[in-house]
Amino acid sequence: MRRALPERNKAMVHSTGAESQALAAFASRLAYSDILAIVVERFSDLLVDWIGSALSGKGQPAIKSLEKYAALMGPPSGNSEVLTSRRTTSALFAALVNAAASHISEQDDVHNASVFHPGAVVIPAALATAQEIGASGEDFVAGCVAGYEVGIRVGEFLGRSHYKVFHTTGTAGTIAAAIAVGRVLKLDQEAMLNAIGSAGTQAAGLWEFLRDAADSKQLHTAKAAADGLTAAFLAADGFAGAKKILEGAQGIAAGMSDDADPRKLVDRLGERWALGETSFKWHASCRHTHPAADALLQIVVQYDLSPPELERITAHVHQGALDVLGPVTSPQSVHQAKFSMPATLGLIATHRRAGLPEFDGYFADEMAKSLLNRVDMLLDKEVDAAYPARWIGKVSLHTKDGREITARVDEPKGDPGNPLMRREVDEKARRLANYAEAATGQEMDGLIDTARAIARCKIVPRFFAAHGQGILSRSI
């Protein structure tokens, strides 16, 4: 007797695979000249933001472990640069460490509708490859843009059900990295399709790590970047991958989603530049905390309130926030605290900011911790209906003197509709590098200049070498 297919598989059964073919065609044919100037400019901001995020990972235990692993398993030197250690190695291990480092501080970029952090997987994979093969700045930028565009659409395609269990940055991110590297390698359409197939069959990343403060989130981005790179390099040598790994009857959507929509894979491909929809993170915490954090900040600033005056705070949230943040009831580590709504709002109420230093001091911060049992999350129909296209923040606060105060934020700071100015992007990158003592102010001047001019480089340089040895000026 033939077993009936589960409901979640049925939508994919009759797919022709045209969507994967279209993604491969788009990525393989994307020329730098096809990309709007405003998109290139936005990417330069995202690149600066990524550099700051990557440098902020220096010295953090999980990153030191990955650096040690790379030094043990990889070559002692190479063409590709590890930003945190400033050593060189192969493209594979540079991508692995840089990807993890740029995700650990919870300051890397995020795309709302796909609930995906593209920069943490796309940029390290493309950068390591470009440095490995001596690719031009234009090819590096085109690769990154292709990775953003495809990865974001894969995340949107997989839908809300996927995100309940799977970390989209680990799953869609593996394909995004393969696309970015494939474009830097100038794969043709057939090879690019093979790269998608090999990347998709490796895609992974589960939210279970949040329940016991594991380091897996960094491993998700590390493996996504490294496995995507592996898929693309293998495809360049003719290694075959599944042709319908996304939409096939036994593909990613069939196994990882209940609401996958293949139309989203090709939504206005080449016309809608999804990279421009990507947001910058202001607070050093999970993005699901940001809308409520911004709303609470409005209240405490306007009414000049401090934690002792607060009776109870209710964050009105979407279901995704409950799924991700809900399991963290009593944070045991700094990183786990970043996935705690009470911890994040406690820091906002106490310091009016929730940056890296504030989180580092959280467990000794009695004032901030005093709110741990005074913050609730409540599913809000309006907020949930708008998500993930819009991340609305609504907070209601009761004071000990009997007042009820509410606030609402329709676009958190850093969203395209509430953007960071270029100076704020640069200042954030400098602040993150300074936090980890990963670069001096003068070095950051050079790194930012290199990032801003990367498209004009004949050969993508190593960032610290470019600043210290004048490589950038010789490459333009």
Protein backbone atom coordinates (compact mmCIF):
# COMPACT_ATOMS: atom_id res chain seq x y z
CA MET A 1 0.00 0.00 0.00
CA ARG A 2 1.43 3.36 -1.01
CA ARG A 3 1.85 5.73 1.93
CA ALA A 4 0.19 9.12 1.52
CA LEU A 5 2.52 12.08 1.45
CA PRO A 6 2.36 14.41 4.44
CA GLU A 7 0.46 17.63 3.80
CA ARG A 8 3.62 19.71 3.93
CA ASN A 9 5.08 17.76 0.99
CA LYS A 10 2.13 18.02 -1.35
CA ALA A 11 2.74 21.61 -2.47
CA MET A 12 6.20 20.63 -3.73
CA VAL A 13 5.34 17.40 -5.55
CA HIS A 14 4.41 18.94 -8.89
CA SER A 15 7.21 21.49 -9.03
CA THR A 16 9.21 21.43 -12.23
CA GLY A 17 12.29 22.87 -10.58
CA ALA A 18 11.94 26.05 -12.60
CA GLU A 19 12.50 28.13 -9.48
CA SER A 20 15.93 26.66 -8.74
CA GLN A 21 16.85 27.02 -12.39
CA ALA A 22 15.85 30.68 -12.28
CA LEU A 23 17.95 31.32 -9.17
CA ALA A 24 20.97 29.64 -10.78
CA ALA A 25 20.51 31.64 -13.98
CA PHE A 26 20.19 34.93 -12.09
CA ALA A 27 23.26 34.35 -9.94
CA SER A 28 25.49 33.08 -12.74
CA ARG A 29 24.60 35.98 -15.05
CA LEU A 30 24.57 38.85 -12.57
CA ALA A 31 27.10 41.44 -13.66
CA TYR A 32 28.33 44.27 -11.49
CA SER A 33 26.95 46.68 -14.08
CA ASP A 34 23.46 45.20 -13.55
CA ILE A 35 23.39 46.31 -9.92
CA LEU A 36 21.85 49.68 -9.13
CA ALA A 37 24.29 52.24 -7.73
CA ILE A 38 22.13 52.68 -4.64
CA VAL A 39 22.39 48.93 -3.97
CA VAL A 40 26.18 49.05 -4.26
CA GLU A 41 26.24 51.96 -1.83
CA ARG A 42 24.02 50.09 0.60
CA PHE A 43 26.29 47.06 0.35
CA SER A 44 29.29 49.19 1.33
CA ASP A 45 27.43 50.09 4.54
CA LEU A 46 26.63 46.43 5.15
CA LEU A 47 30.28 45.52 4.59
CA VAL A 48 31.46 48.08 7.14
CA ASP A 49 28.83 46.79 9.56
CA TRP A 50 29.99 43.22 8.99
CA ILE A 51 33.63 44.13 9.63
CA GLY A 52 32.71 45.67 12.98
CA SER A 53 30.62 42.63 13.90
CA ALA A 54 33.41 40.23 12.94
CA LEU A 55 36.04 42.13 14.91
CA SER A 56 33.79 42.19 17.98
CA GLY A 57 34.12 38.41 18.15
CA LYS A 58 37.82 38.59 18.98
CA GLY A 59 38.64 36.91 22.28
CA GLN A 60 35.22 35.39 22.83
CA PRO A 61 35.62 31.76 23.95
CA ALA A 62 33.60 30.17 21.14
CA ILE A 63 35.59 32.09 18.53
CA LYS A 64 38.90 31.18 20.17
CA SER A 65 37.85 27.52 19.96
CA LEU A 66 37.10 27.85 16.26
CA GLU A 67 40.36 29.71 15.66
CA LYS A 68 42.21 26.88 17.41
CA TYR A 69 40.34 24.33 15.32
CA ALA A 70 41.20 26.20 12.12
CA ALA A 71 44.87 26.42 13.11
CA LEU A 72 44.93 22.69 13.85
CA MET A 73 43.11 21.52 10.74
CA GLY A 74 43.96 24.19 8.21
CA PRO A 75 47.21 25.28 6.59
CA PRO A 76 49.52 27.51 8.65
CA SER A 77 49.17 30.28 6.08
CA GLY A 78 47.28 31.10 2.93
CA ASN A 79 45.71 33.84 0.87
CA SER A 80 42.59 34.35 2.97
CA GLU A 81 42.45 36.44 6.13
CA VAL A 82 40.94 35.71 9.55
CA LEU A 83 40.04 39.14 10.88
CA THR A 84 40.02 38.30 14.59
CA SER A 85 43.46 36.65 14.69
CA ARG A 86 44.98 38.42 11.67
CA ARG A 87 46.49 35.15 10.54
CA THR A 88 46.02 33.78 7.05
CA THR A 89 44.78 30.36 6.07
CA SER A 90 42.76 28.66 3.35
CA ALA A 91 39.51 30.13 2.12
CA LEU A 92 37.57 27.34 3.84
CA PHE A 93 38.83 28.04 7.34
CA ALA A 94 38.88 31.83 6.94
CA ALA A 95 35.21 31.69 5.95
CA LEU A 96 34.41 29.40 8.87
CA VAL A 97 36.00 31.58 11.57
CA ASN A 98 34.95 34.95 10.15
CA ALA A 99 31.35 33.79 9.82
CA ALA A 100 31.19 32.69 13.44
CA ALA A 101 32.93 35.82 14.69
CA SER A 102 30.49 38.11 12.89
CA HIS A 103 27.45 36.43 14.43
CA ILE A 104 28.41 35.95 18.06
CA SER A 105 27.81 39.51 19.30
CA GLU A 106 24.27 39.69 17.88
CA GLN A 107 25.13 42.87 16.00
CA ASP A 108 25.09 41.58 12.41
CA ASP A 109 22.52 42.60 9.81
CA VAL A 110 19.09 40.98 9.44
CA HIS A 111 16.39 40.83 6.78
CA ASN A 112 12.95 41.03 8.35
CA ALA A 113 10.70 39.11 5.95
CA SER A 114 13.06 36.13 5.69
CA VAL A 115 14.20 36.31 9.35
CA PHE A 116 17.70 35.77 8.00
CA HIS A 117 21.13 37.25 8.79
CA PRO A 118 22.69 37.38 5.31
CA GLY A 119 25.92 39.25 6.02
CA ALA A 120 27.21 36.70 8.53
CA VAL A 121 27.29 33.92 5.93
CA VAL A 122 27.51 35.66 2.55
CA ILE A 123 30.33 38.13 3.15
CA PRO A 124 32.86 35.81 4.86
CA ALA A 125 32.44 33.11 2.22
CA ALA A 126 32.72 35.54 -0.70
CA LEU A 127 35.60 37.47 0.88
CA ALA A 128 37.67 34.38 1.62
CA THR A 129 37.14 33.14 -1.93
CA ALA A 130 37.96 36.48 -3.52
CA GLN A 131 41.17 36.69 -1.52
CA GLU A 132 42.02 33.07 -2.36
CA ILE A 133 41.73 33.45 -6.14
CA GLY A 134 42.59 37.14 -6.53
CA ALA A 135 39.12 38.17 -7.69
CA SER A 136 38.26 41.76 -8.50
CA GLY A 137 36.26 44.02 -6.23
CA GLU A 138 33.45 44.08 -8.77
CA ASP A 139 33.20 40.29 -8.75
CA PHE A 140 33.26 40.24 -4.96
CA VAL A 141 30.43 42.77 -4.74
CA ALA A 142 28.41 40.95 -7.41
CA GLY A 143 28.88 37.70 -5.52
CA CYS A 144 27.72 39.21 -2.26
CA VAL A 145 24.68 40.85 -3.87
CA ALA A 146 23.75 37.56 -5.52
CA GLY A 147 24.09 35.78 -2.16
CA TYR A 148 21.87 38.31 -0.42
CA GLU A 149 19.23 38.21 -3.15
CA VAL A 150 19.00 34.42 -3.34
CA GLY A 151 19.43 33.73 0.38
CA ILE A 152 16.72 36.18 1.36
CA ARG A 153 14.29 34.63 -1.11
CA VAL A 154 15.07 31.13 0.14
CA GLY A 155 14.33 32.29 3.68
CA GLU A 156 11.03 33.82 2.58
CA PHE A 157 10.19 30.65 0.64
CA LEU A 158 10.69 28.41 3.68
CA GLY A 159 8.13 30.39 5.66
CA ARG A 160 7.21 30.88 9.29
CA SER A 161 6.84 27.18 10.07
CA HIS A 162 10.50 26.56 9.18
CA TYR A 163 11.71 29.12 11.70
CA LYS A 164 9.95 27.43 14.62
CA VAL A 165 12.56 24.67 14.66
CA PHE A 166 15.28 25.66 12.18
CA HIS A 167 17.63 28.62 12.34
CA THR A 168 17.15 30.12 8.88
CA THR A 169 20.63 31.64 8.85
CA GLY A 170 22.06 28.13 9.07
CA THR A 171 19.76 26.64 6.43
CA ALA A 172 19.09 29.33 3.83
CA GLY A 173 22.53 30.69 4.70
CA THR A 174 24.29 27.63 3.31
CA ILE A 175 22.68 28.22 -0.07
CA ALA A 176 23.33 31.96 0.09
CA ALA A 177 27.03 31.31 0.73
CA ALA A 178 27.21 28.84 -2.17
CA ILE A 179 25.62 31.38 -4.49
CA ALA A 180 28.01 34.13 -3.40
CA VAL A 181 31.08 31.94 -3.84
CA GLY A 182 29.74 30.54 -7.10
CA ARG A 183 29.40 34.04 -8.53
CA VAL A 184 32.93 34.98 -7.38
CA LEU A 185 34.16 31.80 -9.12
CA LYS A 186 32.08 32.75 -12.20
CA LEU A 187 30.18 29.47 -12.33
CA ASP A 188 27.86 28.98 -15.28
CA GLN A 189 24.16 28.23 -14.77
CA GLU A 190 24.55 24.45 -14.67
CA ALA A 191 27.40 24.60 -12.16
CA MET A 192 25.52 27.13 -10.06
CA LEU A 193 22.53 24.79 -9.93
CA ASN A 194 24.85 22.01 -8.78
CA ALA A 195 26.21 24.30 -6.08
CA ILE A 196 22.67 25.00 -4.85
CA GLY A 197 22.00 21.26 -4.71
CA SER A 198 25.13 20.41 -2.77
CA ALA A 199 24.61 23.34 -0.41
CA GLY A 200 20.99 22.46 0.24
CA THR A 201 21.70 18.87 1.18
CA GLN A 202 24.09 20.12 3.90
CA ALA A 203 21.83 22.87 5.25
CA ALA A 204 21.18 22.64 9.00
CA GLY A 205 20.74 24.58 12.22
CA LEU A 206 18.34 23.89 15.10
CA TRP A 207 17.04 26.22 17.81
CA GLU A 208 17.44 23.64 20.57
CA PHE A 209 20.75 25.21 21.58
CA LEU A 210 18.92 28.12 23.22
CA ARG A 211 17.53 25.89 25.95
CA ASP A 212 20.93 25.19 27.50
CA ALA A 213 23.09 28.14 26.41
CA ALA A 214 25.09 26.12 23.87
CA ASP A 215 27.48 27.72 21.36
CA SER A 216 25.69 26.22 18.35
CA LYS A 217 24.49 29.51 16.86
CA GLN A 218 28.07 30.42 15.94
CA LEU A 219 28.58 26.96 14.53
CA HIS A 220 25.51 27.47 12.33
CA THR A 221 27.04 30.46 10.55
CA ALA A 222 30.51 28.93 10.50
CA LYS A 223 29.25 25.78 8.80
CA ALA A 224 26.86 27.62 6.49
CA ALA A 225 29.70 29.75 5.11
CA ALA A 226 32.18 26.86 4.92
CA ASP A 227 29.71 24.31 3.51
CA GLY A 228 28.37 26.78 0.95
CA LEU A 229 31.95 27.49 -0.12
CA THR A 230 32.63 23.76 -0.37
CA ALA A 231 29.53 23.25 -2.52
CA ALA A 232 30.57 25.98 -4.95
CA PHE A 233 34.17 24.83 -5.30
CA LEU A 234 33.01 21.26 -5.90
CA ALA A 235 30.52 22.47 -8.50
CA ALA A 236 33.33 24.29 -10.29
CA ASP A 237 34.96 20.88 -10.75
CA GLY A 238 31.79 19.27 -12.11
CA PHE A 239 30.49 17.78 -8.87
CA ALA A 240 26.75 17.22 -9.36
CA GLY A 241 24.10 18.36 -6.91
CA ALA A 242 20.35 17.75 -6.72
CA LYS A 243 18.53 19.90 -9.27
CA LYS A 244 15.44 20.52 -7.11
CA ILE A 245 16.90 20.56 -3.62
CA LEU A 246 14.66 23.46 -2.62
CA GLU A 247 11.27 22.53 -4.07
CA GLY A 248 11.58 18.81 -4.80
CA ALA A 249 9.42 16.10 -3.23
CA GLN A 250 12.24 15.17 -0.84
CA GLY A 251 13.97 18.53 -0.72
CA ILE A 252 14.41 21.18 1.94
CA ALA A 253 10.85 22.45 1.94
CA ALA A 254 9.43 18.94 2.11
CA GLY A 255 11.44 18.18 5.21
CA MET A 256 11.67 21.57 6.90
CA SER A 257 8.50 23.56 6.20
CA ASP A 258 4.72 23.36 6.36
CA ASP A 259 4.03 26.58 4.46
CA ALA A 260 6.72 26.87 1.78
CA ASP A 261 5.71 29.01 -1.20
CA PRO A 262 7.85 28.43 -4.34
CA ARG A 263 6.68 31.73 -5.82
CA LYS A 264 8.75 33.58 -3.24
CA LEU A 265 11.94 32.10 -4.64
CA VAL A 266 11.65 34.17 -7.79
CA ASP A 267 9.72 37.19 -6.51
CA ARG A 268 10.70 40.03 -8.90
CA LEU A 269 14.15 38.51 -9.24
CA GLY A 270 16.45 41.14 -10.75
CA GLU A 271 13.93 43.93 -10.19
CA ARG A 272 13.35 43.92 -6.43
CA TRP A 273 16.71 44.36 -4.69
CA ALA A 274 16.12 42.61 -1.38
CA LEU A 275 19.58 43.62 -0.14
CA GLY A 276 18.20 47.14 0.26
CA GLU A 277 15.54 45.82 2.64
CA THR A 278 18.17 44.52 5.07
CA SER A 279 18.24 46.09 8.54
CA PHE A 280 21.12 47.03 10.82
CA LYS A 281 20.96 45.90 14.44
CA TRP A 282 21.31 48.60 17.08
CA HIS A 283 20.93 46.62 20.30
CA ALA A 284 23.33 43.71 20.96
CA SER A 285 20.53 41.19 21.34
CA CYS A 286 18.25 38.92 19.35
CA ARG A 287 16.32 40.94 16.80
CA HIS A 288 13.04 39.74 18.27
CA THR A 289 13.75 41.88 21.35
CA HIS A 290 14.41 45.09 19.40
CA PRO A 291 10.87 46.33 18.69
CA ALA A 292 9.90 46.08 22.37
CA ALA A 293 13.26 47.51 23.45
CA ASP A 294 12.74 50.59 21.28
CA ALA A 295 9.19 51.03 22.57
CA LEU A 296 10.29 50.72 26.20
CA LEU A 297 13.14 53.16 25.57
CA GLN A 298 10.59 55.75 24.46
CA ILE A 299 8.74 55.37 27.75
CA VAL A 300 11.67 55.44 30.16
CA VAL A 301 13.20 58.45 28.42
CA GLN A 302 9.97 60.42 28.12
CA TYR A 303 8.86 59.77 31.72
CA ASP A 304 12.37 59.52 33.22
CA LEU A 305 11.67 56.15 34.83
CA SER A 306 14.05 53.66 36.45
CA PRO A 307 13.55 49.99 37.42
CA PRO A 308 12.50 50.62 41.05
CA GLU A 309 9.51 52.60 39.72
CA LEU A 310 8.30 49.80 37.45
CA GLU A 311 5.72 47.28 38.57
CA ARG A 312 5.35 45.22 35.39
CA ILE A 313 6.22 45.41 31.69
CA THR A 314 4.33 43.55 28.98
CA ALA A 315 5.86 43.18 25.53
CA HIS A 316 3.17 42.55 22.91
CA VAL A 317 4.88 40.29 20.40
CA HIS A 318 4.55 38.04 17.36
CA GLN A 319 4.61 34.24 17.59
CA GLY A 320 8.19 34.05 16.30
CA ALA A 321 9.37 35.98 19.34
CA LEU A 322 7.58 33.55 21.64
CA ASP A 323 9.08 30.57 19.79
CA VAL A 324 12.66 31.85 20.03
CA LEU A 325 12.69 33.84 23.26
CA GLY A 326 10.14 31.82 25.22
CA PRO A 327 12.46 28.93 26.15
CA VAL A 328 14.94 31.32 27.82
CA THR A 329 13.29 31.70 31.22
CA SER A 330 16.43 32.04 33.32
CA PRO A 331 19.50 33.03 31.27
CA GLN A 332 22.74 31.40 32.37
CA SER A 333 25.23 33.05 30.02
CA VAL A 334 25.76 36.43 28.40
CA HIS A 335 24.82 35.05 25.01
CA GLN A 336 21.68 33.42 26.39
CA ALA A 337 20.74 36.72 28.05
CA LYS A 338 20.65 38.26 24.59
CA PHE A 339 17.74 35.91 23.84
CA SER A 340 15.87 36.92 26.97
CA MET A 341 13.21 39.63 26.71
CA PRO A 342 13.39 40.36 30.48
CA ALA A 343 17.18 40.68 30.39
CA THR A 344 17.16 42.97 27.37
CA LEU A 345 14.37 45.18 28.69
CA GLY A 346 16.03 45.23 32.10
CA LEU A 347 19.15 46.73 30.54
CA ILE A 348 17.10 49.23 28.55
CA ALA A 349 15.24 50.33 31.69
CA THR A 350 18.48 50.59 33.69
CA HIS A 351 20.97 52.00 31.19
CA ARG A 352 18.76 53.11 28.28
CA ARG A 353 20.88 50.97 26.02
CA ALA A 354 21.58 47.26 25.57
CA GLY A 355 25.03 47.11 24.05
CA LEU A 356 27.89 44.67 24.48
CA PRO A 357 29.26 46.21 27.71
CA GLU A 358 25.79 46.24 29.27
CA PHE A 359 25.25 42.56 28.50
CA ASP A 360 28.73 41.69 29.75
CA GLY A 361 27.83 43.22 33.10
CA TYR A 362 24.30 41.85 33.28
CA PHE A 363 24.84 39.09 35.84
CA ALA A 364 26.38 41.56 38.29
CA ASP A 365 23.75 44.20 37.54
CA GLU A 366 21.19 43.85 40.33
CA MET A 367 19.08 46.72 39.04
CA ALA A 368 18.69 45.22 35.56
CA LYS A 369 18.18 41.71 36.95
CA SER A 370 15.42 42.97 39.24
CA LEU A 371 13.12 43.04 36.20
CA LEU A 372 13.68 39.37 35.34
CA ASN A 373 10.34 38.37 36.89
CA ARG A 374 8.50 41.56 36.01
CA VAL A 375 8.50 41.24 32.22
CA ASP A 376 5.94 39.22 30.28
CA MET A 377 5.48 38.49 26.59
CA LEU A 378 1.96 38.41 25.21
CA LEU A 379 0.93 37.33 21.71
CA ASP A 380 -0.60 40.32 19.92
CA LYS A 381 -2.82 39.70 16.89
CA GLU A 382 -1.84 42.90 15.10
CA VAL A 383 1.87 42.41 15.69
CA ASP A 384 1.67 38.76 14.65
CA ALA A 385 -0.32 39.52 11.49
CA ALA A 386 2.28 42.06 10.37
CA TYR A 387 5.23 39.72 11.02
CA PRO A 388 7.62 38.95 9.38
CA ALA A 389 7.23 41.72 6.79
CA ARG A 390 7.02 44.28 9.63
CA TRP A 391 8.33 43.95 13.17
CA ILE A 392 6.06 46.16 15.28
CA GLY A 393 6.97 46.94 18.88
CA LYS A 394 4.23 47.47 21.48
CA VAL A 395 4.85 47.76 25.21
CA SER A 396 2.50 48.41 28.12
CA LEU A 397 4.04 49.38 31.42
CA HIS A 398 2.56 49.65 34.90
CA THR A 399 4.35 51.84 37.42
CA LYS A 400 4.31 51.29 41.15
CA ASP A 401 2.39 54.54 41.62
CA GLY A 402 -0.50 53.16 39.55
CA ARG A 403 0.09 54.58 36.08
CA GLU A 404 -0.29 52.57 32.89
CA ILE A 405 1.86 53.80 30.01
CA THR A 406 1.96 52.38 26.49
CA ALA A 407 4.27 52.92 23.54
CA ARG A 408 4.48 51.67 20.00
CA VAL A 409 7.28 51.45 17.41
CA ASP A 410 6.37 50.59 13.82
CA GLU A 411 9.95 50.30 12.60
CA PRO A 412 12.82 49.51 14.99
CA LYS A 413 15.97 51.58 14.73
CA GLY A 414 18.07 50.24 11.87
CA ASP A 415 15.17 49.20 9.63
CA PRO A 416 15.08 50.68 6.11
CA GLY A 417 12.29 53.02 7.21
CA ASN A 418 14.23 54.07 10.33
CA PRO A 419 17.78 53.71 9.03
CA LEU A 420 21.18 54.23 10.52
CA MET A 421 22.98 57.14 8.95
CA ARG A 422 26.35 56.36 7.40
CA ARG A 423 28.15 58.02 10.29
CA GLU A 424 26.17 55.78 12.69
CA VAL A 425 27.21 52.69 10.73
CA ASP A 426 30.86 53.76 10.92
CA GLU A 427 30.58 54.67 14.60
CA LYS A 428 28.99 51.32 15.38
CA ALA A 429 31.81 49.45 13.58
CA ARG A 430 34.41 51.46 15.48
CA ARG A 431 32.64 50.82 18.77
CA LEU A 432 32.52 47.06 18.14
CA ALA A 433 36.20 46.91 17.19
CA ASN A 434 37.18 48.96 20.22
CA TYR A 435 35.07 46.75 22.50
CA ALA A 436 37.14 43.70 21.55
CA GLU A 437 40.41 45.67 21.24
CA ALA A 438 40.55 44.18 17.76
CA ALA A 439 41.69 47.29 15.87
CA THR A 440 42.96 50.76 16.68
CA GLY A 441 41.15 53.88 15.60
CA GLN A 442 43.71 54.42 12.85
CA GLU A 443 43.32 50.85 11.66
CA MET A 444 39.55 51.26 11.56
CA ASP A 445 39.99 54.34 9.38
CA GLY A 446 41.83 52.15 6.91
CA LEU A 447 39.40 49.24 7.14
CA ILE A 448 36.41 51.51 6.53
CA ASP A 449 38.15 53.19 3.60
CA THR A 450 38.94 49.77 2.13
CA ALA A 451 35.35 48.62 2.52
CA ARG A 452 33.95 51.77 0.94
CA ALA A 453 36.25 51.43 -2.06
CA ILE A 454 36.18 47.65 -2.45
CA ALA A 455 34.32 47.70 -5.77
CA ARG A 456 37.16 49.71 -7.32
CA CYS A 457 39.87 47.25 -6.30
CA LYS A 458 41.46 45.33 -9.16
CA ILE A 459 42.16 42.54 -6.66
CA VAL A 460 40.35 42.19 -3.33
CA PRO A 461 43.03 42.80 -0.69
CA ARG A 462 43.40 41.49 2.82
CA PHE A 463 41.92 44.20 5.01
CA PHE A 464 44.67 44.65 7.55
CA ALA A 465 47.37 44.29 4.89
CA ALA A 466 45.55 46.80 2.70
CA HIS A 467 45.67 49.38 5.46
CA GLY A 468 49.16 48.65 6.71
CA GLN A 469 50.97 48.15 3.41
CA GLY A 470 49.13 50.44 1.01
CA ILE A 471 47.68 47.59 -1.05
CA LEU A 472 44.39 49.40 -1.45
CA SER A 473 45.89 52.40 -3.20
CA ARG A 474 47.77 50.13 -5.62
CA SER A 475 44.64 48.17 -6.42
CA ILE A 476 42.34 50.99 -7.49
